[in-house]
Protein backbone atom coordinates (compact mmCIF):
# COMPACT_ATOMS: atom_id res chain seq x y z
CA MET A 1 -0.47 -26.13 33.58
CA HIS A 2 -2.35 -29.22 33.09
CA VAL A 3 -1.09 -32.01 30.93
CA ALA A 4 -3.63 -34.46 29.81
CA SER A 5 -2.49 -38.02 30.35
CA SER A 6 -2.98 -40.36 27.45
CA PRO A 7 -5.25 -43.36 27.65
CA PRO A 8 -3.46 -46.74 28.24
CA ALA A 9 -2.26 -48.17 24.90
CA PRO A 10 -4.37 -51.28 23.88
CA ALA A 11 -2.76 -54.62 24.46
CA ASN A 12 -0.63 -55.65 21.69
CA PRO A 13 -2.27 -58.74 20.01
CA GLU A 14 1.29 -60.02 18.49
CA TYR A 15 2.84 -59.96 22.03
CA ASP A 16 -0.01 -61.98 23.48
CA ILE A 17 0.36 -64.70 20.69
CA ARG A 18 4.15 -64.81 21.11
CA LYS A 19 4.12 -65.41 25.01
CA PRO A 20 2.83 -69.04 24.72
CA ASN A 21 5.32 -69.74 22.16
CA LEU A 22 8.37 -68.30 24.14
CA ARG A 23 7.01 -70.56 27.21
CA LYS A 24 7.08 -73.68 24.96
CA HIS A 25 10.80 -72.77 23.59
CA MET A 26 11.82 -72.38 27.35
CA LEU A 27 10.37 -75.62 28.30
CA ALA A 28 11.89 -77.37 25.34
CA ILE A 29 15.29 -76.17 26.49
CA LEU A 30 14.77 -77.01 29.98
CA VAL A 31 13.79 -80.73 28.85
CA LEU A 32 16.80 -80.84 26.51
CA GLY A 33 19.09 -79.92 29.40
CA ILE A 34 17.63 -82.46 31.75
CA ILE A 35 18.38 -85.22 29.06
CA VAL A 36 21.86 -84.01 28.54
CA TYR A 37 22.69 -83.93 32.16
CA TYR A 38 21.21 -87.59 32.54
CA LEU A 39 23.17 -88.77 29.60
CA PHE A 40 26.43 -87.36 31.11
CA ASP A 41 25.62 -88.50 34.63
CA SER A 42 24.86 -92.04 33.42
CA ALA A 43 27.89 -92.46 31.02
CA THR A 44 31.15 -94.02 32.03
CA ASP A 45 34.51 -92.04 32.06
CA GLU A 46 35.43 -93.61 28.82
CA GLU A 47 32.26 -92.75 27.08
CA ILE A 48 32.63 -89.04 28.31
CA LEU A 49 36.18 -88.97 26.97
CA ASP A 50 35.20 -90.50 23.55
CA PHE A 51 32.34 -87.76 23.28
CA SER A 52 34.63 -85.16 24.35
CA GLN A 53 37.21 -86.20 21.65
CA LEU A 54 34.38 -86.23 19.01
CA LEU A 55 33.43 -82.72 19.96
CA GLY A 56 36.91 -81.41 19.48
CA LEU A 57 37.77 -83.56 16.44
CA SER A 58 37.17 -80.46 14.10
CA GLU A 59 39.26 -78.25 16.28
CA GLN A 60 42.32 -80.21 16.62
CA GLU A 61 45.60 -78.58 15.25
CA TYR A 62 48.09 -80.23 13.13
CA ASP A 63 51.64 -80.91 14.45
CA TYR A 64 53.51 -80.75 11.36
CA PHE A 65 53.25 -80.55 7.54
CA MET A 66 55.53 -81.20 4.55
CA GLY A 67 55.54 -79.48 0.95
CA ASP A 68 56.42 -80.81 -2.37
CA VAL A 69 56.58 -84.52 -1.07
CA ASP A 70 58.05 -87.05 -3.30
CA SER A 71 59.00 -90.47 -1.80
CA ILE A 72 59.52 -94.10 -3.08
CA HIS A 73 58.43 -97.11 -1.33
CA TYR A 74 60.50 -100.24 -1.84
CA THR A 75 59.96 -103.98 -1.57
CA ARG A 76 62.10 -106.21 0.83
CA GLU A 77 63.85 -107.16 -2.44
CA GLY A 78 64.85 -103.61 -3.16
CA ARG A 79 62.46 -103.16 -6.00
CA ALA A 80 60.56 -99.80 -6.33
CA ASP A 81 57.03 -100.73 -5.19
CA TYR A 82 55.26 -97.26 -5.44
CA ARG A 83 55.99 -93.71 -5.65
CA PHE A 84 53.90 -90.90 -3.72
CA ARG A 85 54.22 -87.38 -4.58
CA ALA A 86 51.86 -84.40 -3.05
CA SER A 87 52.13 -80.81 -2.98
CA ARG A 88 51.32 -80.72 0.65
CA VAL A 89 50.87 -83.29 3.50
CA THR A 90 49.42 -82.05 6.72
CA HIS A 91 49.52 -84.49 9.78
CA TYR A 92 47.23 -84.42 12.79
CA PRO A 93 48.13 -86.51 15.75
CA ASN A 94 44.90 -87.29 17.66
CA PRO A 95 43.15 -89.14 15.93
CA GLU A 96 46.09 -89.73 13.72
CA TYR A 97 45.55 -89.03 10.09
CA SER A 98 47.15 -86.94 7.16
CA ILE A 99 45.34 -84.69 4.60
CA ILE A 100 46.83 -84.51 1.23
CA GLU A 101 46.83 -81.86 -1.43
CA SER A 102 47.23 -82.87 -4.93
CA PRO A 103 48.25 -86.69 -4.35
CA ARG A 104 49.86 -88.34 -7.37
CA LEU A 105 50.78 -92.07 -7.12
CA VAL A 106 52.71 -94.46 -9.50
CA ILE A 107 51.92 -98.18 -8.60
CA TYR A 108 54.71 -100.21 -10.14
CA ARG A 109 54.48 -103.72 -11.51
CA GLU A 110 56.84 -106.39 -12.06
CA ASP A 111 56.87 -106.18 -15.69
CA ASP A 112 57.96 -102.58 -15.36
CA SER A 113 54.74 -101.16 -16.38
CA ALA A 114 52.91 -99.07 -13.87
CA TRP A 115 49.27 -97.55 -12.82
CA ARG A 116 49.15 -93.91 -12.30
CA ILE A 117 46.54 -92.41 -9.96
CA ASN A 118 45.88 -88.68 -9.46
CA SER A 119 43.28 -86.60 -7.74
CA ALA A 120 42.80 -83.11 -6.25
CA SER A 121 42.85 -84.25 -2.47
CA GLY A 122 42.95 -87.11 -0.35
CA ARG A 123 43.54 -88.62 3.42
CA VAL A 124 45.77 -91.14 4.83
CA ASP A 125 44.91 -93.15 7.98
CA VAL A 126 44.59 -96.64 9.36
CA GLU A 127 41.37 -98.51 8.74
CA ALA A 128 40.24 -99.65 12.21
CA SER A 129 38.41 -102.77 11.26
CA SER A 130 41.48 -104.19 9.36
CA ASN A 131 44.34 -102.32 10.70
CA ARG A 132 45.54 -101.55 7.31
CA GLU A 133 46.93 -98.19 5.95
CA ARG A 134 44.56 -96.79 3.37
CA LEU A 135 44.50 -93.70 1.17
CA VAL A 136 41.10 -92.15 0.33
CA LEU A 137 41.16 -89.95 -2.63
CA THR A 138 38.53 -87.35 -3.58
CA GLU A 139 37.74 -84.89 -6.43
CA ASN A 140 38.61 -85.69 -10.03
CA VAL A 141 40.12 -89.16 -9.52
CA ILE A 142 41.91 -90.46 -12.56
CA ILE A 143 43.35 -93.94 -12.76
CA SER A 144 45.43 -94.87 -15.87
CA GLY A 145 47.39 -97.95 -16.91
CA ILE A 146 48.05 -100.64 -19.32
CA THR A 147 46.58 -104.01 -18.86
CA ALA A 148 48.51 -107.40 -19.06
CA ALA A 149 46.94 -107.69 -22.38
CA GLY A 150 48.76 -104.33 -23.49
CA ARG A 151 45.40 -102.38 -23.64
CA PRO A 152 45.48 -98.83 -22.29
CA VAL A 153 42.77 -98.18 -19.59
CA ASN A 154 41.51 -94.82 -18.02
CA ILE A 155 39.06 -94.78 -14.86
CA TYR A 156 37.35 -91.66 -13.84
CA THR A 157 35.36 -91.24 -10.51
CA ASP A 158 34.88 -88.77 -7.51
CA SER A 159 36.18 -90.91 -4.68
CA LEU A 160 38.59 -93.87 -4.43
CA THR A 161 40.01 -96.09 -1.70
CA LEU A 162 43.48 -97.35 -2.10
CA TYR A 163 45.20 -100.03 0.04
CA PRO A 164 48.83 -99.55 -1.06
CA ALA A 165 50.14 -102.83 0.48
CA GLU A 166 47.64 -104.97 -1.41
CA LYS A 167 47.67 -102.38 -4.53
CA SER A 168 43.77 -102.84 -4.45
CA ILE A 169 41.17 -100.05 -5.06
CA SER A 170 37.47 -99.75 -4.45
CA THR A 171 34.85 -97.16 -4.71
CA ASP A 172 30.84 -96.84 -4.28
CA SER A 173 30.82 -93.61 -6.50
CA GLU A 174 29.87 -93.50 -10.04
CA VAL A 175 32.65 -94.70 -12.40
CA MET A 176 33.50 -94.44 -16.06
CA LEU A 177 35.97 -96.67 -17.87
CA GLU A 178 37.28 -96.23 -21.21
CA SER A 179 39.71 -98.22 -23.34
CA GLU A 180 40.24 -98.07 -27.16
CA GLY A 181 36.89 -96.98 -28.12
CA PHE A 182 35.15 -99.10 -25.43
CA TYR A 183 33.19 -97.06 -22.76
CA SER A 184 31.72 -98.48 -19.50
CA THR A 185 29.78 -96.77 -16.73
CA SER A 186 28.62 -98.32 -13.26
CA GLN A 187 27.93 -97.43 -9.71
CA GLY A 188 30.96 -98.65 -7.89
CA LEU A 189 34.22 -100.54 -8.82
CA THR A 190 36.76 -102.77 -7.35
CA ALA A 191 40.19 -103.61 -8.77
CA ASP A 192 43.19 -105.65 -8.11
CA LEU A 193 46.17 -103.65 -9.70
CA VAL A 194 48.57 -106.53 -9.60
CA THR A 195 46.46 -109.08 -11.43
CA ASP A 196 44.44 -106.30 -13.55
CA VAL A 197 41.09 -107.90 -12.42
CA ILE A 198 38.56 -104.93 -12.64
CA ARG A 199 34.91 -105.51 -11.56
CA GLN A 200 32.16 -102.74 -12.20
CA LEU A 201 29.45 -103.14 -9.73
CA ALA A 202 25.77 -102.04 -10.11
CA GLY A 203 24.06 -100.43 -12.91
CA GLY A 204 26.61 -101.24 -15.51
CA TYR A 205 26.33 -99.71 -19.17
CA MET A 206 28.65 -100.41 -21.97
CA ARG A 207 29.09 -98.79 -25.40
CA TYR A 208 31.76 -99.56 -28.13
CA GLU A 209 32.79 -97.28 -30.82
CA GLN A 210 34.94 -98.36 -33.79
CA PRO A 211 37.58 -96.17 -34.80
CA GLY A 212 36.51 -93.44 -37.25
CA GLN A 213 32.87 -93.85 -36.26
CA GLY A 214 31.06 -90.71 -36.40
CA GLN A 215 33.53 -88.77 -38.47
């Protein structure tokens, strides 16, 4: 029996085109590997440790958590300073911080009035530059209170930084402030919750509506 052999298949043009591209990818990987090796070889032990900690930051496991947290911080004189509540607080040891679910705070004042701050989530840590404890709130942040003049105020934003010891707040996010028909928006805000000094930052816009207007 005679079996006719098939003629050799023509060269695949796509294969020929891809070969140079593959070589380029391999060369790029080789160059990247040399750069990484050089960086690790020239880095100090401390820099390598910091880099390793950075890589493992998202993988670290919490060491404990608490549910339905409700605590009150008192001043040295025994007066209630602020109340902190949350549905859950999860603590991570290294670097040390805590993730908070549904944080709710009441900031007490000497005249027995209070500021109330709620949000969907938050994080507690120590600010490296000032060594101060800070609480960073995110998602649907609402600040409610009554000013020294007796006027109710509501402030809405997407993120907020609170320093509990100083009772000061700040944000770079968009802010809306409302009070008895007065509405104001801005990009950023700072406030001292002890003295009721509120400063709206860039791009401020104000509007006032008299009671019954538009009805």
